[in-house]
Amino acid sequence: MKRHLLIWLGLAAALIVQAALPAVPNLGNPRIVVLANNLQNYYYNYQESERPSYSTDEGRAEKTQKIVEMMLASNADIFAFCEVEAKPIVLQQLVDSLNATLGYECYAAVSDGINVATDSYDNAIKSGFVYKRATVQPLGSNYAATNVTYYKNVMRIQAWTEIATGESFTLSMNHFKAGQNDSDKDKRIDNATWLMNGLSTASKVKDSDILIVGDLNCQMDEGAITIIQNNGYQEQLLRFDATAYSYIYKGTREFIDHAFANSTMGQQITGAAVWHTNTSTYYANRYSDHDAVMVGMRLGEYSTDIETVETRPAAKKEIRHGQIVIIRGDEVYTITGQRL
């Protein structure tokens, strides 16, 4: 009986580990992979803020381990994170844990000069980048996409060069205003407007192939998204999966974490997907309330055989028998309980 119990416990533990990280999405045949994720108030100095989801050193270590496991499993080349503490030490602890696990200096964090302890304004969180040293290197400095004080930390621009080819692209990681009232939506319109202005600033954009990622806190029917689309950017996650979602609120699936590319960047993307690292796992195994977003690319190779957003029929939404139905040409998707 004891032996059977031990076998059962072992199987249960294996199932829990498997549930913690679902299979990495198929991104085609990329050379470079970008992963973006809201880390839900990831701090080192958690004692100094009421924001963190943990209140002990053990809680911080547990969350760090879960994030590191996700990063290693993804094998991404560039990580873009938001909702992390606005101090240099927070991303460095991820890098130290990654490199200690691997046994060599594989990863590094981008220096951005952000430190809430010395800033003249109070924004306790930021967006930041970690990268694999053997495959990519930062191109130029790390820039704020806007000069609006509160959002300087969370709307960032960083260009990258692929070491193997010398090809480059510009990546912007963003965290827009949360909330669902009209004031919040108006602020997200401001966020999108500031971002478009920042990405039109030659001194901040070191390569014209641009990828925008992040927790934009709005779905596709909001004005902020319309501004981004009207400036020539297409949603890459919906390009490869019309039913994508990244967040669950009160049982409702929401698509609020995004990946937008301009036309030249889109032609170099081999695949894009939401990796359900959190919405599909047991609560004890989650490290955030948002799923990770992944984009694969082959820089310098402009594909003509991948169907692009411009050539696909526009999607429209209907309500049929109480269910949301998405229609794109001859394709029809029925989505129960999902608000798009």
C-alpha atoms as a PDB file:
ATOM      1  CA  MET A   1       0.000   0.000   0.000  1.00  0.00           C
ATOM      2  CA  LYS A   2       2.821   2.383   0.917  1.00  0.00           C
ATOM      3  CA  ARG A   3       4.570   1.643  -2.385  1.00  0.00           C
ATOM      4  CA  HIS A   4       1.386   2.339  -4.346  1.00  0.00           C
ATOM      5  CA  LEU A   5       0.949   5.597  -2.463  1.00  0.00           C
ATOM      6  CA  LEU A   6       4.479   6.684  -3.294  1.00  0.00           C
ATOM      7  CA  ILE A   7       3.944   5.840  -6.971  1.00  0.00           C
ATOM      8  CA  TRP A   8       0.722   7.860  -6.981  1.00  0.00           C
ATOM      9  CA  LEU A   9       2.427  10.814  -5.339  1.00  0.00           C
ATOM     10  CA  GLY A  10       5.244  10.642  -7.850  1.00  0.00           C
ATOM     11  CA  LEU A  11       2.814  10.637 -10.756  1.00  0.00           C
ATOM     12  CA  ALA A  12       0.896  13.532  -9.232  1.00  0.00           C
ATOM     13  CA  ALA A  13       4.107  15.524  -8.815  1.00  0.00           C
ATOM     14  CA  ALA A  14       5.038  14.824 -12.435  1.00  0.00           C
ATOM     15  CA  LEU A  15       1.635  16.026 -13.603  1.00  0.00           C
ATOM     16  CA  ILE A  16       1.974  19.222 -11.563  1.00  0.00           C
ATOM     17  CA  VAL A  17       5.413  19.920 -13.054  1.00  0.00           C
ATOM     18  CA  GLN A  18       4.060  19.272 -16.533  1.00  0.00           C
ATOM     19  CA  ALA A  19       1.119  21.588 -15.867  1.00  0.00           C
ATOM     20  CA  ALA A  20       3.439  24.360 -14.726  1.00  0.00           C
ATOM     21  CA  LEU A  21       4.809  24.934 -18.228  1.00  0.00           C
ATOM     22  CA  PRO A  22       2.841  23.935 -21.325  1.00  0.00           C
ATOM     23  CA  ALA A  23       4.639  23.171 -24.572  1.00  0.00           C
ATOM     24  CA  VAL A  24       6.427  26.083 -26.191  1.00  0.00           C
ATOM     25  CA  PRO A  25       4.434  27.319 -29.220  1.00  0.00           C
ATOM     26  CA  ASN A  26       5.551  26.543 -32.756  1.00  0.00           C
ATOM     27  CA  LEU A  27       7.056  29.733 -34.197  1.00  0.00           C
ATOM     28  CA  GLY A  28       8.123  28.293 -37.539  1.00  0.00           C
ATOM     29  CA  ASN A  29      11.869  28.221 -38.117  1.00  0.00           C
ATOM     30  CA  PRO A  30      13.166  31.375 -36.408  1.00  0.00           C
ATOM     31  CA  ARG A  31      16.757  32.369 -35.720  1.00  0.00           C
ATOM     32  CA  ILE A  32      15.744  34.960 -33.117  1.00  0.00           C
ATOM     33  CA  VAL A  33      12.906  34.636 -30.595  1.00  0.00           C
ATOM     34  CA  VAL A  34      11.489  37.499 -28.522  1.00  0.00           C
ATOM     35  CA  LEU A  35       9.436  36.783 -25.396  1.00  0.00           C
ATOM     36  CA  ALA A  36       7.403  39.525 -23.683  1.00  0.00           C
ATOM     37  CA  ASN A  37       5.630  39.164 -20.348  1.00  0.00           C
ATOM     38  CA  ASN A  38       4.068  41.166 -17.543  1.00  0.00           C
ATOM     39  CA  LEU A  39       5.687  39.706 -14.396  1.00  0.00           C
ATOM     40  CA  GLN A  40       2.993  41.006 -12.006  1.00  0.00           C
ATOM     41  CA  ASN A  41       4.952  43.233  -9.652  1.00  0.00           C
ATOM     42  CA  TYR A  42       8.244  41.392  -9.533  1.00  0.00           C
ATOM     43  CA  TYR A  43      10.456  43.045  -6.913  1.00  0.00           C
ATOM     44  CA  TYR A  44      13.721  42.521  -5.133  1.00  0.00           C
ATOM     45  CA  ASN A  45      13.113  45.126  -2.438  1.00  0.00           C
ATOM     46  CA  TYR A  46       9.586  43.923  -1.725  1.00  0.00           C
ATOM     47  CA  GLN A  47       9.707  45.357   1.803  1.00  0.00           C
ATOM     48  CA  GLU A  48       9.637  48.885   0.361  1.00  0.00           C
ATOM     49  CA  SER A  49       6.364  48.557  -1.532  1.00  0.00           C
ATOM     50  CA  GLU A  50       2.821  47.291  -1.143  1.00  0.00           C
ATOM     51  CA  ARG A  51       2.722  46.101  -4.772  1.00  0.00           C
ATOM     52  CA  PRO A  52       4.483  42.690  -4.679  1.00  0.00           C
ATOM     53  CA  SER A  53       2.496  39.454  -4.627  1.00  0.00           C
ATOM     54  CA  TYR A  54       4.873  38.045  -1.984  1.00  0.00           C
ATOM     55  CA  SER A  55       6.054  39.298   1.384  1.00  0.00           C
ATOM     56  CA  THR A  56       9.000  37.064   2.296  1.00  0.00           C
ATOM     57  CA  ASP A  57      12.442  36.190   0.963  1.00  0.00           C
ATOM     58  CA  GLU A  58      11.111  32.693   0.331  1.00  0.00           C
ATOM     59  CA  GLY A  59       8.259  34.080  -1.757  1.00  0.00           C
ATOM     60  CA  ARG A  60      10.680  36.138  -3.819  1.00  0.00           C
ATOM     61  CA  ALA A  61      12.948  33.136  -4.343  1.00  0.00           C
ATOM     62  CA  GLU A  62      10.007  30.954  -5.385  1.00  0.00           C
ATOM     63  CA  LYS A  63       8.778  33.470  -7.946  1.00  0.00           C
ATOM     64  CA  THR A  64      12.305  33.984  -9.252  1.00  0.00           C
ATOM     65  CA  GLN A  65      12.694  30.245  -9.742  1.00  0.00           C
ATOM     66  CA  LYS A  66       9.421  29.993 -11.664  1.00  0.00           C
ATOM     67  CA  ILE A  67      10.371  32.872 -13.955  1.00  0.00           C
ATOM     68  CA  VAL A  68      13.827  31.396 -14.550  1.00  0.00           C
ATOM     69  CA  GLU A  69      12.288  28.010 -15.405  1.00  0.00           C
ATOM     70  CA  MET A  70      10.015  29.719 -17.919  1.00  0.00           C
ATOM     71  CA  MET A  71      12.906  31.641 -19.471  1.00  0.00           C
ATOM     72  CA  LEU A  72      15.082  28.560 -19.832  1.00  0.00           C
ATOM     73  CA  ALA A  73      12.225  26.483 -21.276  1.00  0.00           C
ATOM     74  CA  SER A  74      11.454  29.172 -23.862  1.00  0.00           C
ATOM     75  CA  ASN A  75      15.074  29.389 -25.076  1.00  0.00           C
ATOM     76  CA  ALA A  76      14.272  32.934 -26.208  1.00  0.00           C
ATOM     77  CA  ASP A  77      17.028  35.309 -27.241  1.00  0.00           C
ATOM     78  CA  ILE A  78      15.431  38.534 -25.967  1.00  0.00           C
ATOM     79  CA  PHE A  79      13.131  38.898 -22.952  1.00  0.00           C
ATOM     80  CA  ALA A  80      11.045  42.050 -22.567  1.00  0.00           C
ATOM     81  CA  PHE A  81       9.415  42.364 -19.147  1.00  0.00           C
ATOM     82  CA  CYS A  82       7.094  44.882 -17.512  1.00  0.00           C
ATOM     83  CA  GLU A  83       5.812  45.321 -13.961  1.00  0.00           C
ATOM     84  CA  VAL A  84       9.274  44.809 -12.515  1.00  0.00           C
ATOM     85  CA  GLU A  85      10.777  46.954  -9.787  1.00  0.00           C
ATOM     86  CA  ALA A  86      12.330  50.154 -11.122  1.00  0.00           C
ATOM     87  CA  LYS A  87      15.813  49.345  -9.821  1.00  0.00           C
ATOM     88  CA  PRO A  88      18.790  47.713 -11.587  1.00  0.00           C
ATOM     89  CA  ILE A  89      18.942  44.821  -9.118  1.00  0.00           C
ATOM     90  CA  VAL A  90      15.624  43.243 -10.079  1.00  0.00           C
ATOM     91  CA  LEU A  91      16.572  42.050 -13.587  1.00  0.00           C
ATOM     92  CA  GLN A  92      20.096  41.303 -12.416  1.00  0.00           C
ATOM     93  CA  GLN A  93      18.740  38.738  -9.957  1.00  0.00           C
ATOM     94  CA  LEU A  94      17.107  36.938 -12.894  1.00  0.00           C
ATOM     95  CA  VAL A  95      20.348  37.054 -14.863  1.00  0.00           C
ATOM     96  CA  ASP A  96      22.356  35.772 -11.891  1.00  0.00           C
ATOM     97  CA  SER A  97      19.912  32.901 -11.367  1.00  0.00           C
ATOM     98  CA  LEU A  98      19.905  32.006 -15.073  1.00  0.00           C
ATOM     99  CA  ASN A  99      23.688  32.018 -15.345  1.00  0.00           C
ATOM    100  CA  ALA A 100      24.119  30.085 -12.093  1.00  0.00           C
ATOM    101  CA  THR A 101      21.729  27.417 -13.352  1.00  0.00           C
ATOM    102  CA  LEU A 102      23.562  27.129 -16.686  1.00  0.00           C
ATOM    103  CA  GLY A 103      27.036  27.407 -15.182  1.00  0.00           C
ATOM    104  CA  TYR A 104      28.298  30.183 -17.467  1.00  0.00           C
ATOM    105  CA  GLU A 105      27.630  33.820 -18.395  1.00  0.00           C
ATOM    106  CA  CYS A 106      24.896  33.195 -20.950  1.00  0.00           C
ATOM    107  CA  TYR A 107      22.511  36.100 -20.246  1.00  0.00           C
ATOM    108  CA  ALA A 108      22.812  39.806 -19.470  1.00  0.00           C
ATOM    109  CA  ALA A 109      20.441  42.625 -18.566  1.00  0.00           C
ATOM    110  CA  VAL A 110      20.229  45.863 -20.530  1.00  0.00           C
ATOM    111  CA  SER A 111      21.399  48.891 -18.571  1.00  0.00           C
ATOM    112  CA  ASP A 112      18.710  51.569 -18.682  1.00  0.00           C
ATOM    113  CA  GLY A 113      19.697  53.993 -15.916  1.00  0.00           C
ATOM    114  CA  ILE A 114      16.318  53.609 -14.178  1.00  0.00           C
ATOM    115  CA  ASN A 115      16.380  53.693 -10.381  1.00  0.00           C
ATOM    116  CA  VAL A 116      13.313  54.803  -8.444  1.00  0.00           C
ATOM    117  CA  ALA A 117      15.538  55.402  -5.413  1.00  0.00           C
ATOM    118  CA  THR A 118      17.266  58.304  -7.187  1.00  0.00           C
ATOM    119  CA  ASP A 119      14.648  59.431  -9.734  1.00  0.00           C
ATOM    120  CA  SER A 120      12.975  62.763  -9.158  1.00  0.00           C
ATOM    121  CA  TYR A 121       9.540  61.194  -9.720  1.00  0.00           C
ATOM    122  CA  ASP A 122       7.827  58.189  -8.167  1.00  0.00           C
ATOM    123  CA  ASN A 123       7.125  55.327 -10.558  1.00  0.00           C
ATOM    124  CA  ALA A 124       7.959  52.118  -8.759  1.00  0.00           C
ATOM    125  CA  ILE A 125       7.807  49.788 -11.795  1.00  0.00           C
ATOM    126  CA  LYS A 126       9.494  49.675 -15.184  1.00  0.00           C
ATOM    127  CA  SER A 127       9.866  47.726 -18.409  1.00  0.00           C
ATOM    128  CA  GLY A 128      13.253  46.141 -19.083  1.00  0.00           C
ATOM    129  CA  PHE A 129      15.217  43.673 -21.197  1.00  0.00           C
ATOM    130  CA  VAL A 130      17.339  40.542 -20.699  1.00  0.00           C
ATOM    131  CA  TYR A 131      19.171  38.938 -23.624  1.00  0.00           C
ATOM    132  CA  LYS A 132      21.275  35.965 -24.675  1.00  0.00           C
ATOM    133  CA  ARG A 133      24.813  37.245 -25.192  1.00  0.00           C
ATOM    134  CA  ALA A 134      25.775  34.705 -27.880  1.00  0.00           C
ATOM    135  CA  THR A 135      22.980  35.575 -30.306  1.00  0.00           C
ATOM    136  CA  VAL A 136      22.122  39.269 -29.962  1.00  0.00           C
ATOM    137  CA  GLN A 137      23.549  42.497 -28.636  1.00  0.00           C
ATOM    138  CA  PRO A 138      21.925  45.845 -27.837  1.00  0.00           C
ATOM    139  CA  LEU A 139      22.231  48.423 -30.598  1.00  0.00           C
ATOM    140  CA  GLY A 140      22.540  51.940 -29.217  1.00  0.00           C
ATOM    141  CA  SER A 141      21.109  53.053 -25.893  1.00  0.00           C
ATOM    142  CA  ASN A 142      17.887  52.219 -24.097  1.00  0.00           C
ATOM    143  CA  TYR A 143      15.350  55.008 -24.599  1.00  0.00           C
ATOM    144  CA  ALA A 144      12.072  56.142 -23.087  1.00  0.00           C
ATOM    145  CA  ALA A 145       9.361  56.173 -25.741  1.00  0.00           C
ATOM    146  CA  THR A 146       7.826  59.255 -24.112  1.00  0.00           C
ATOM    147  CA  ASN A 147       8.977  62.209 -22.043  1.00  0.00           C
ATOM    148  CA  VAL A 148       5.769  62.109 -19.985  1.00  0.00           C
ATOM    149  CA  THR A 149       7.187  61.594 -16.540  1.00  0.00           C
ATOM    150  CA  TYR A 150       5.089  58.749 -15.131  1.00  0.00           C
ATOM    151  CA  TYR A 151       5.374  56.611 -18.292  1.00  0.00           C
ATOM    152  CA  LYS A 152       9.084  57.080 -18.974  1.00  0.00           C
ATOM    153  CA  ASN A 153       9.906  53.892 -17.066  1.00  0.00           C
ATOM    154  CA  VAL A 154       7.280  51.645 -18.622  1.00  0.00           C
ATOM    155  CA  MET A 155       7.402  52.619 -22.311  1.00  0.00           C
ATOM    156  CA  ARG A 156      10.873  51.712 -23.564  1.00  0.00           C
ATOM    157  CA  ILE A 157      12.695  51.367 -26.901  1.00  0.00           C
ATOM    158  CA  GLN A 158      15.749  49.178 -27.503  1.00  0.00           C
ATOM    159  CA  ALA A 159      17.289  48.233 -30.862  1.00  0.00           C
ATOM    160  CA  TRP A 160      19.085  44.909 -31.360  1.00  0.00           C
ATOM    161  CA  THR A 161      21.658  43.389 -33.683  1.00  0.00           C
ATOM    162  CA  GLU A 162      21.784  39.682 -34.497  1.00  0.00           C
ATOM    163  CA  ILE A 163      25.416  38.650 -34.062  1.00  0.00           C
ATOM    164  CA  ALA A 164      25.412  35.904 -36.715  1.00  0.00           C
ATOM    165  CA  THR A 165      24.083  38.097 -39.537  1.00  0.00           C
ATOM    166  CA  GLY A 166      24.606  41.716 -38.484  1.00  0.00           C
ATOM    167  CA  GLU A 167      20.902  42.358 -39.150  1.00  0.00           C
ATOM    168  CA  SER A 168      19.019  44.639 -36.755  1.00  0.00           C
ATOM    169  CA  PHE A 169      15.533  45.586 -35.587  1.00  0.00           C
ATOM    170  CA  THR A 170      13.909  47.902 -33.050  1.00  0.00           C
ATOM    171  CA  LEU A 171      11.892  46.528 -30.132  1.00  0.00           C
ATOM    172  CA  SER A 172       9.543  48.550 -27.937  1.00  0.00           C
ATOM    173  CA  MET A 173       8.216  47.125 -24.658  1.00  0.00           C
ATOM    174  CA  ASN A 174       5.201  48.877 -23.150  1.00  0.00           C
ATOM    175  CA  HIS A 175       2.815  48.875 -20.225  1.00  0.00           C
ATOM    176  CA  PHE A 176      -0.266  51.029 -20.876  1.00  0.00           C
ATOM    177  CA  LYS A 177      -2.738  52.346 -18.296  1.00  0.00           C
ATOM    178  CA  ALA A 178      -4.976  49.691 -16.734  1.00  0.00           C
ATOM    179  CA  GLY A 179      -8.686  49.982 -16.016  1.00  0.00           C
ATOM    180  CA  GLN A 180     -11.952  49.926 -17.914  1.00  0.00           C
ATOM    181  CA  ASN A 181     -13.564  53.326 -17.316  1.00  0.00           C
ATOM    182  CA  ASP A 182     -13.564  56.084 -19.943  1.00  0.00           C
ATOM    183  CA  SER A 183     -10.732  57.952 -18.239  1.00  0.00           C
ATOM    184  CA  ASP A 184      -8.509  54.845 -18.380  1.00  0.00           C
ATOM    185  CA  LYS A 185      -9.312  54.307 -22.063  1.00  0.00           C
ATOM    186  CA  ASP A 186      -8.503  57.947 -22.806  1.00  0.00           C
ATOM    187  CA  LYS A 187      -5.161  57.518 -21.027  1.00  0.00           C
ATOM    188  CA  ARG A 188      -4.393  54.477 -23.190  1.00  0.00           C
ATOM    189  CA  ILE A 189      -5.106  56.599 -26.253  1.00  0.00           C
ATOM    190  CA  ASP A 190      -2.499  58.984 -24.849  1.00  0.00           C
ATOM    191  CA  ASN A 191      -0.117  56.045 -24.357  1.00  0.00           C
ATOM    192  CA  ALA A 192      -0.543  54.955 -27.982  1.00  0.00           C
ATOM    193  CA  THR A 193      -0.086  58.510 -29.265  1.00  0.00           C
ATOM    194  CA  TRP A 194       3.089  58.983 -27.228  1.00  0.00           C
ATOM    195  CA  LEU A 195       4.403  55.626 -28.437  1.00  0.00           C
ATOM    196  CA  MET A 196       3.832  56.488 -32.096  1.00  0.00           C
ATOM    197  CA  ASN A 197       5.633  59.797 -31.557  1.00  0.00           C
ATOM    198  CA  GLY A 198       8.532  58.020 -29.866  1.00  0.00           C
ATOM    199  CA  LEU A 199       8.820  55.490 -32.681  1.00  0.00           C
ATOM    200  CA  SER A 200       8.911  58.365 -35.166  1.00  0.00           C
ATOM    201  CA  THR A 201      11.968  59.877 -33.446  1.00  0.00           C
ATOM    202  CA  ALA A 202      15.082  59.021 -35.439  1.00  0.00           C
ATOM    203  CA  SER A 203      17.414  59.387 -32.455  1.00  0.00           C
ATOM    204  CA  LYS A 204      15.504  56.658 -30.568  1.00  0.00           C
ATOM    205  CA  VAL A 205      14.897  54.217 -33.444  1.00  0.00           C
ATOM    206  CA  LYS A 206      18.161  52.689 -34.680  1.00  0.00           C
ATOM    207  CA  ASP A 207      16.521  50.384 -37.238  1.00  0.00           C
ATOM    208  CA  SER A 208      13.347  50.901 -39.257  1.00  0.00           C
ATOM    209  CA  ASP A 209      12.037  47.336 -38.701  1.00  0.00           C
ATOM    210  CA  ILE A 210       9.909  47.812 -35.580  1.00  0.00           C
ATOM    211  CA  LEU A 211       8.216  45.350 -33.219  1.00  0.00           C
ATOM    212  CA  ILE A 212       5.920  46.618 -30.444  1.00  0.00           C
ATOM    213  CA  VAL A 213       5.148  44.264 -27.552  1.00  0.00           C
ATOM    214  CA  GLY A 214       3.701  44.540 -24.089  1.00  0.00           C
ATOM    215  CA  ASP A 215       0.719  44.663 -21.793  1.00  0.00           C
ATOM    216  CA  LEU A 216      -1.317  47.340 -23.558  1.00  0.00           C
ATOM    217  CA  ASN A 217      -4.310  46.649 -21.290  1.00  0.00           C
ATOM    218  CA  CYS A 218      -6.755  46.983 -24.169  1.00  0.00           C
ATOM    219  CA  GLN A 219      -8.470  44.698 -26.627  1.00  0.00           C
ATOM    220  CA  MET A 220      -8.652  45.123 -30.369  1.00  0.00           C
ATOM    221  CA  ASP A 221     -11.737  47.344 -30.432  1.00  0.00           C
ATOM    222  CA  GLU A 222     -10.202  50.167 -28.353  1.00  0.00           C
ATOM    223  CA  GLY A 223      -9.099  53.543 -29.671  1.00  0.00           C
ATOM    224  CA  ALA A 224      -5.493  53.002 -28.585  1.00  0.00           C
ATOM    225  CA  ILE A 225      -5.234  49.949 -30.846  1.00  0.00           C
ATOM    226  CA  THR A 226      -6.789  51.876 -33.728  1.00  0.00           C
ATOM    227  CA  ILE A 227      -4.058  54.517 -33.414  1.00  0.00           C
ATOM    228  CA  ILE A 228      -1.334  51.852 -33.615  1.00  0.00           C
ATOM    229  CA  GLN A 229      -2.972  50.182 -36.619  1.00  0.00           C
ATOM    230  CA  ASN A 230      -3.497  53.491 -38.406  1.00  0.00           C
ATOM    231  CA  ASN A 231       0.246  54.075 -38.146  1.00  0.00           C
ATOM    232  CA  GLY A 232       0.976  50.952 -40.182  1.00  0.00           C
ATOM    233  CA  TYR A 233       1.361  48.273 -37.488  1.00  0.00           C
ATOM    234  CA  GLN A 234      -0.349  44.854 -37.658  1.00  0.00           C
ATOM    235  CA  GLU A 235      -1.143  42.484 -34.797  1.00  0.00           C
ATOM    236  CA  GLN A 236       1.105  39.444 -35.296  1.00  0.00           C
ATOM    237  CA  LEU A 237      -0.524  37.179 -32.708  1.00  0.00           C
ATOM    238  CA  LEU A 238      -3.879  37.367 -34.494  1.00  0.00           C
ATOM    239  CA  ARG A 239      -2.106  36.866 -37.797  1.00  0.00           C
ATOM    240  CA  PHE A 240      -1.209  33.339 -36.687  1.00  0.00           C
ATOM    241  CA  ASP A 241      -4.157  32.638 -34.351  1.00  0.00           C
ATOM    242  CA  ALA A 242      -7.461  34.501 -34.708  1.00  0.00           C
ATOM    243  CA  THR A 243      -8.605  33.244 -31.282  1.00  0.00           C
ATOM    244  CA  ALA A 244      -5.571  34.364 -29.263  1.00  0.00           C
ATOM    245  CA  TYR A 245      -5.989  35.452 -25.626  1.00  0.00           C
ATOM    246  CA  SER A 246      -3.460  36.322 -22.926  1.00  0.00           C
ATOM    247  CA  TYR A 247      -5.390  37.022 -19.727  1.00  0.00           C
ATOM    248  CA  ILE A 248      -8.433  35.701 -17.860  1.00  0.00           C
ATOM    249  CA  TYR A 249     -10.539  38.081 -15.776  1.00  0.00           C
ATOM    250  CA  LYS A 250     -13.431  36.639 -13.754  1.00  0.00           C
ATOM    251  CA  GLY A 251     -13.557  33.638 -16.054  1.00  0.00           C
ATOM    252  CA  THR A 252     -13.496  35.719 -19.250  1.00  0.00           C
ATOM    253  CA  ARG A 253     -10.626  35.368 -21.716  1.00  0.00           C
ATOM    254  CA  GLU A 254      -9.138  38.678 -22.779  1.00  0.00           C
ATOM    255  CA  PHE A 255      -6.591  39.625 -25.414  1.00  0.00           C
ATOM    256  CA  ILE A 256      -4.677  42.514 -23.844  1.00  0.00           C
ATOM    257  CA  ASP A 257      -1.004  41.560 -24.376  1.00  0.00           C
ATOM    258  CA  HIS A 258       0.088  42.305 -27.927  1.00  0.00           C
ATOM    259  CA  ALA A 259       2.754  42.081 -30.627  1.00  0.00           C
ATOM    260  CA  PHE A 260       2.494  44.674 -33.419  1.00  0.00           C
ATOM    261  CA  ALA A 261       4.934  44.891 -36.337  1.00  0.00           C
ATOM    262  CA  ASN A 262       5.321  47.418 -39.122  1.00  0.00           C
ATOM    263  CA  SER A 263       5.242  46.036 -42.665  1.00  0.00           C
ATOM    264  CA  THR A 264       8.980  45.381 -43.090  1.00  0.00           C
ATOM    265  CA  MET A 265       9.245  43.735 -39.672  1.00  0.00           C
ATOM    266  CA  GLY A 266       6.174  41.607 -40.328  1.00  0.00           C
ATOM    267  CA  GLN A 267       7.736  40.116 -43.451  1.00  0.00           C
ATOM    268  CA  GLN A 268      10.618  38.761 -41.335  1.00  0.00           C
ATOM    269  CA  ILE A 269       8.407  37.108 -38.691  1.00  0.00           C
ATOM    270  CA  THR A 270       8.124  33.319 -38.908  1.00  0.00           C
ATOM    271  CA  GLY A 271       5.523  32.887 -36.169  1.00  0.00           C
ATOM    272  CA  ALA A 272       3.889  34.551 -33.182  1.00  0.00           C
ATOM    273  CA  ALA A 273       1.875  33.040 -30.351  1.00  0.00           C
ATOM    274  CA  VAL A 274       0.641  33.442 -26.808  1.00  0.00           C
ATOM    275  CA  TRP A 275       2.352  30.869 -24.584  1.00  0.00           C
ATOM    276  CA  HIS A 276      -0.179  30.059 -21.883  1.00  0.00           C
ATOM    277  CA  THR A 277       2.369  29.922 -19.082  1.00  0.00           C
ATOM    278  CA  ASN A 278      -0.083  31.182 -16.467  1.00  0.00           C
ATOM    279  CA  THR A 279      -3.708  30.987 -17.608  1.00  0.00           C
ATOM    280  CA  SER A 280      -3.433  27.226 -18.186  1.00  0.00           C
ATOM    281  CA  THR A 281      -1.560  26.254 -15.006  1.00  0.00           C
ATOM    282  CA  TYR A 282      -2.578  25.523 -11.467  1.00  0.00           C
ATOM    283  CA  TYR A 283      -2.550  28.705  -9.389  1.00  0.00           C
ATOM    284  CA  ALA A 284       0.334  27.450  -7.221  1.00  0.00           C
ATOM    285  CA  ASN A 285       2.525  27.158 -10.316  1.00  0.00           C
ATOM    286  CA  ARG A 286       1.886  30.603 -11.790  1.00  0.00           C
ATOM    287  CA  TYR A 287       4.409  33.422 -11.636  1.00  0.00           C
ATOM    288  CA  SER A 288       2.076  36.078 -13.101  1.00  0.00           C
ATOM    289  CA  ASP A 289      -1.520  36.784 -14.085  1.00  0.00           C
ATOM    290  CA  HIS A 290      -0.514  37.379 -17.737  1.00  0.00           C
ATOM    291  CA  ASP A 291       0.637  34.841 -20.309  1.00  0.00           C
ATOM    292  CA  ALA A 292       3.897  35.208 -22.200  1.00  0.00           C
ATOM    293  CA  VAL A 293       3.887  36.450 -25.806  1.00  0.00           C
ATOM    294  CA  MET A 294       6.452  34.968 -28.224  1.00  0.00           C
ATOM    295  CA  VAL A 295       7.577  36.159 -31.656  1.00  0.00           C
ATOM    296  CA  GLY A 296      10.014  34.334 -33.939  1.00  0.00           C
ATOM    297  CA  MET A 297      11.933  36.014 -36.752  1.00  0.00           C
ATOM    298  CA  ARG A 298      14.565  35.553 -39.421  1.00  0.00           C
ATOM    299  CA  LEU A 299      16.099  38.977 -39.800  1.00  0.00           C
ATOM    300  CA  GLY A 300      17.059  39.946 -43.336  1.00  0.00           C
ATOM    301  CA  GLU A 301      14.844  37.266 -44.903  1.00  0.00           C
ATOM    302  CA  TYR A 302      11.707  38.856 -46.305  1.00  0.00           C
ATOM    303  CA  SER A 303       9.152  36.093 -46.707  1.00  0.00           C
ATOM    304  CA  THR A 304       6.680  36.003 -49.573  1.00  0.00           C
ATOM    305  CA  ASP A 305       5.080  32.657 -48.719  1.00  0.00           C
ATOM    306  CA  ILE A 306       3.715  33.595 -45.279  1.00  0.00           C
ATOM    307  CA  GLU A 307       0.233  35.064 -45.514  1.00  0.00           C
ATOM    308  CA  THR A 308       0.317  38.608 -44.166  1.00  0.00           C
ATOM    309  CA  VAL A 309      -2.307  40.637 -42.403  1.00  0.00           C
ATOM    310  CA  GLU A 310      -2.727  42.891 -45.423  1.00  0.00           C
ATOM    311  CA  THR A 311      -3.788  40.004 -47.682  1.00  0.00           C
ATOM    312  CA  ARG A 312      -6.187  38.357 -45.219  1.00  0.00           C
ATOM    313  CA  PRO A 313      -9.881  39.278 -45.099  1.00  0.00           C
ATOM    314  CA  ALA A 314     -10.797  41.593 -42.255  1.00  0.00           C
ATOM    315  CA  ALA A 315     -12.276  39.888 -39.195  1.00  0.00           C
ATOM    316  CA  LYS A 316     -15.713  40.805 -37.898  1.00  0.00           C
ATOM    317  CA  LYS A 317     -17.571  39.833 -34.744  1.00  0.00           C
ATOM    318  CA  GLU A 318     -21.152  38.612 -34.398  1.00  0.00           C
ATOM    319  CA  ILE A 319     -23.278  37.289 -31.537  1.00  0.00           C
ATOM    320  CA  ARG A 320     -25.076  34.054 -32.403  1.00  0.00           C
ATOM    321  CA  HIS A 321     -27.193  32.263 -29.819  1.00  0.00           C
ATOM    322  CA  GLY A 322     -25.374  33.985 -26.996  1.00  0.00           C
ATOM    323  CA  GLN A 323     -21.898  33.100 -28.310  1.00  0.00           C
ATOM    324  CA  ILE A 324     -19.223  35.316 -29.846  1.00  0.00           C
ATOM    325  CA  VAL A 325     -18.465  34.334 -33.442  1.00  0.00           C
ATOM    326  CA  ILE A 326     -15.409  35.638 -35.290  1.00  0.00           C
ATOM    327  CA  ILE A 327     -15.702  35.593 -39.096  1.00  0.00           C
ATOM    328  CA  ARG A 328     -12.704  36.048 -41.393  1.00  0.00           C
ATOM    329  CA  GLY A 329     -13.533  35.214 -45.020  1.00  0.00           C
ATOM    330  CA  ASP A 330     -14.584  31.559 -45.087  1.00  0.00           C
ATOM    331  CA  GLU A 331     -13.201  30.947 -41.579  1.00  0.00           C
ATOM    332  CA  VAL A 332     -15.643  30.948 -38.676  1.00  0.00           C
ATOM    333  CA  TYR A 333     -14.574  30.662 -35.004  1.00  0.00           C
ATOM    334  CA  THR A 334     -17.053  30.232 -32.175  1.00  0.00           C
ATOM    335  CA  ILE A 335     -15.706  31.469 -28.852  1.00  0.00           C
ATOM    336  CA  THR A 336     -17.747  30.657 -25.764  1.00  0.00           C
ATOM    337  CA  GLY A 337     -17.355  33.122 -22.924  1.00  0.00           C
ATOM    338  CA  GLN A 338     -14.654  35.189 -24.613  1.00  0.00           C
ATOM    339  CA  ARG A 339     -14.876  38.954 -24.862  1.00  0.00           C
ATOM    340  CA  LEU A 340     -12.833  40.412 -27.723  1.00  0.00           C
END
